[in-house]
Amino acid sequence: MTNDPAGVTRYKFPEAAHGQGPQSGDARLQAGGALPFLRAVAVPAGKELVIFSGHTPPVMNVAALPDSVAAFGDTYTQTVGALRELGASLASLGLGFGNLVQLRALLVGDAACGGRMDSEGFSRAYAEFFGTAENPQLVARTRLQVVGLVNPGWLVELEAVAAR
């Protein structure tokens, strides 16, 4: 259990007792001994919760068809882009990634991964934003593989909840 400056309590998984084993795609992140997400988050009474709509990746290749994966990039690239978009939304409300308490990732199966979601690509991008020197906070996190998203080129959509 850790506390953050906003008074949110963040409950980590016990490092040696996570019965599910390493999460798919997180083996590299576990090298340091800590899972890259939390067991639970407790938000005390009186804190405001800010619930964000889905954030999607920006177009990375304007020459590609606008509904193609080539326009948005692979799962890693799309996740970084969607997190940057989420970061801009957080900043517009005077918040940052440290205020996030929950992140839900909707991931489409990637042909490059045999039709399965690219957990490793998502986790690499996630690790650039959470549990870092810049943002040591982790979030309660869920990854879901979905059949598709509104734009057929999107492999990633992120929903988030922040507290202040």
Protein backbone atom coordinates (compact mmCIF):
# COMPACT_ATOMS: atom_id res chain seq x y z
CA MET A 1 0.00 0.00 0.00
CA THR A 2 1.30 3.45 -0.91
CA ASN A 3 -0.15 6.91 -0.49
CA ASP A 4 0.17 9.67 -3.01
CA PRO A 5 0.04 13.43 -2.46
CA ALA A 6 -3.66 13.58 -3.43
CA GLY A 7 -4.56 11.24 -0.56
CA VAL A 8 -5.37 8.29 -2.81
CA THR A 9 -4.25 4.92 -1.43
CA ARG A 10 -2.68 2.63 -4.01
CA TYR A 11 -2.50 -1.09 -3.18
CA LYS A 12 0.28 -2.95 -4.96
CA PHE A 13 0.24 -6.65 -5.72
CA PRO A 14 2.50 -8.61 -3.36
CA GLU A 15 5.64 -9.14 -5.44
CA ALA A 16 6.00 -12.83 -4.64
CA ALA A 17 2.37 -13.78 -4.21
CA HIS A 18 0.62 -12.78 -7.43
CA GLY A 19 -1.07 -16.10 -8.17
CA GLN A 20 -1.79 -15.33 -11.81
CA GLY A 21 1.90 -15.15 -12.64
CA PRO A 22 3.34 -12.62 -15.06
CA GLN A 23 0.72 -10.90 -17.15
CA SER A 24 1.02 -11.49 -20.86
CA GLY A 25 3.41 -8.94 -22.32
CA ASP A 26 4.67 -7.78 -18.93
CA ALA A 27 7.64 -10.13 -18.48
CA ARG A 28 10.13 -7.39 -19.41
CA LEU A 29 8.48 -5.01 -16.97
CA GLN A 30 8.61 -7.57 -14.19
CA ALA A 31 12.38 -7.80 -14.43
CA GLY A 32 12.56 -5.22 -11.64
CA GLY A 33 10.28 -7.30 -9.43
CA ALA A 34 7.20 -5.07 -9.44
CA LEU A 35 4.06 -5.49 -11.48
CA PRO A 36 3.33 -2.40 -13.59
CA PHE A 37 -0.20 -1.93 -12.26
CA LEU A 38 -2.07 -2.06 -8.97
CA ARG A 39 -4.30 -4.50 -7.16
CA ALA A 40 -6.67 -1.70 -6.15
CA VAL A 41 -7.01 2.02 -5.57
CA ALA A 42 -8.99 3.66 -2.74
CA VAL A 43 -10.20 7.20 -3.29
CA PRO A 44 -11.21 8.91 -0.04
CA ALA A 45 -14.49 10.73 0.44
CA GLY A 46 -14.45 14.30 -0.73
CA LYS A 47 -12.21 13.70 -3.73
CA GLU A 48 -13.56 14.54 -7.15
CA LEU A 49 -13.51 11.74 -9.73
CA VAL A 50 -13.01 12.78 -13.34
CA ILE A 51 -14.13 10.11 -15.81
CA PHE A 52 -12.64 10.41 -19.27
CA SER A 53 -14.24 9.24 -22.49
CA GLY A 54 -12.23 6.99 -24.76
CA HIS A 55 -9.01 8.43 -26.14
CA THR A 56 -7.74 7.15 -29.45
CA PRO A 57 -4.48 7.47 -31.39
CA PRO A 58 -3.74 10.36 -33.72
CA VAL A 59 -2.99 9.84 -37.40
CA MET A 60 0.73 9.18 -37.83
CA ASN A 61 0.83 8.70 -41.61
CA VAL A 62 -1.42 11.10 -43.53
CA ALA A 63 -0.52 9.37 -46.81
CA ALA A 64 -2.17 6.11 -45.68
CA LEU A 65 -5.86 5.35 -45.98
CA PRO A 66 -7.63 7.05 -43.03
CA ASP A 67 -9.23 3.80 -41.84
CA SER A 68 -6.09 1.65 -41.99
CA VAL A 69 -3.63 0.51 -39.35
CA ALA A 70 -0.92 2.07 -41.53
CA ALA A 71 -2.42 5.51 -40.80
CA PHE A 72 -2.10 5.05 -37.03
CA GLY A 73 0.81 2.63 -36.53
CA ASP A 74 1.23 -0.55 -34.52
CA THR A 75 -0.12 -1.09 -30.99
CA TYR A 76 2.94 0.47 -29.34
CA THR A 77 2.74 3.60 -31.53
CA GLN A 78 -1.02 3.88 -31.11
CA THR A 79 -0.78 3.48 -27.33
CA VAL A 80 1.85 6.22 -27.04
CA GLY A 81 -0.33 8.48 -29.21
CA ALA A 82 -3.50 7.74 -27.22
CA LEU A 83 -1.65 8.33 -23.93
CA ARG A 84 -0.36 11.67 -25.23
CA GLU A 85 -3.93 12.61 -26.19
CA LEU A 86 -5.07 11.57 -22.70
CA GLY A 87 -2.23 13.61 -21.21
CA ALA A 88 -3.45 16.70 -23.09
CA SER A 89 -6.98 16.12 -21.77
CA LEU A 90 -5.63 15.74 -18.23
CA ALA A 91 -3.57 18.93 -18.55
CA SER A 92 -6.57 20.88 -19.86
CA LEU A 93 -8.27 20.15 -16.52
CA GLY A 94 -5.20 20.92 -14.40
CA LEU A 95 -4.41 17.22 -13.89
CA GLY A 96 -1.54 14.91 -14.79
CA PHE A 97 -0.87 11.19 -15.12
CA GLY A 98 -0.24 11.03 -11.36
CA ASN A 99 -3.94 11.83 -10.84
CA LEU A 100 -5.09 8.75 -12.76
CA VAL A 101 -6.45 5.94 -10.64
CA GLN A 102 -7.84 3.64 -13.34
CA LEU A 103 -7.01 2.91 -16.97
CA ARG A 104 -8.98 0.59 -19.22
CA ALA A 105 -7.36 -0.36 -22.53
CA LEU A 106 -9.47 -1.72 -25.36
CA LEU A 107 -7.12 -3.51 -27.75
CA VAL A 108 -7.95 -5.00 -31.14
CA GLY A 109 -6.24 -8.17 -32.27
CA ASP A 110 -3.26 -7.39 -34.47
CA ALA A 111 -2.57 -9.41 -37.62
CA ALA A 112 1.15 -9.12 -36.80
CA CYS A 113 0.41 -11.03 -33.55
CA GLY A 114 -1.65 -13.78 -35.15
CA GLY A 115 -4.91 -11.97 -34.40
CA ARG A 116 -4.19 -11.57 -30.68
CA MET A 117 -3.81 -8.20 -29.01
CA ASP A 118 -0.24 -6.95 -28.76
CA SER A 119 0.12 -6.96 -24.96
CA GLU A 120 3.86 -6.44 -25.15
CA GLY A 121 3.52 -3.37 -27.39
CA PHE A 122 0.87 -1.90 -25.10
CA SER A 123 2.93 -2.61 -21.97
CA ARG A 124 6.09 -1.05 -23.41
CA ALA A 125 4.19 2.16 -24.12
CA TYR A 126 2.42 2.08 -20.73
CA ALA A 127 5.78 1.75 -18.95
CA GLU A 128 6.92 5.04 -20.50
CA PHE A 129 4.11 6.90 -18.68
CA PHE A 130 3.57 5.03 -15.37
CA GLY A 131 5.97 3.90 -12.64
CA THR A 132 8.65 6.25 -13.95
CA ALA A 133 10.82 8.86 -12.22
CA GLU A 134 8.58 11.52 -13.78
CA ASN A 135 5.35 9.75 -12.71
CA PRO A 136 5.98 7.09 -10.06
CA GLN A 137 2.25 6.39 -9.68
CA LEU A 138 0.67 3.22 -11.02
CA VAL A 139 -3.03 2.71 -11.78
CA ALA A 140 -5.62 -0.02 -11.51
CA ARG A 141 -5.49 -1.27 -15.08
CA THR A 142 -7.46 -3.60 -17.32
CA ARG A 143 -6.64 -4.71 -20.87
CA LEU A 144 -9.43 -6.13 -22.99
CA GLN A 145 -9.26 -7.60 -26.46
CA VAL A 146 -12.21 -6.39 -28.50
CA VAL A 147 -13.40 -7.35 -31.97
CA GLY A 148 -13.06 -3.83 -33.31
CA LEU A 149 -13.25 -0.11 -32.63
CA VAL A 150 -15.08 2.69 -34.48
CA ASN A 151 -12.21 3.27 -36.92
CA PRO A 152 -10.97 -0.02 -38.41
CA GLY A 153 -7.40 1.33 -38.24
CA TRP A 154 -7.46 1.77 -34.48
CA LEU A 155 -5.86 -0.98 -32.40
CA VAL A 156 -6.16 0.99 -29.13
CA GLU A 157 -8.74 3.04 -27.23
CA LEU A 158 -8.18 4.15 -23.63
CA GLU A 159 -10.71 5.04 -20.94
CA ALA A 160 -9.50 6.60 -17.70
CA VAL A 161 -10.58 7.81 -14.26
CA ALA A 162 -8.65 10.48 -12.36
CA ALA A 163 -9.00 11.78 -8.82
CA ARG A 164 -8.29 15.22 -7.38
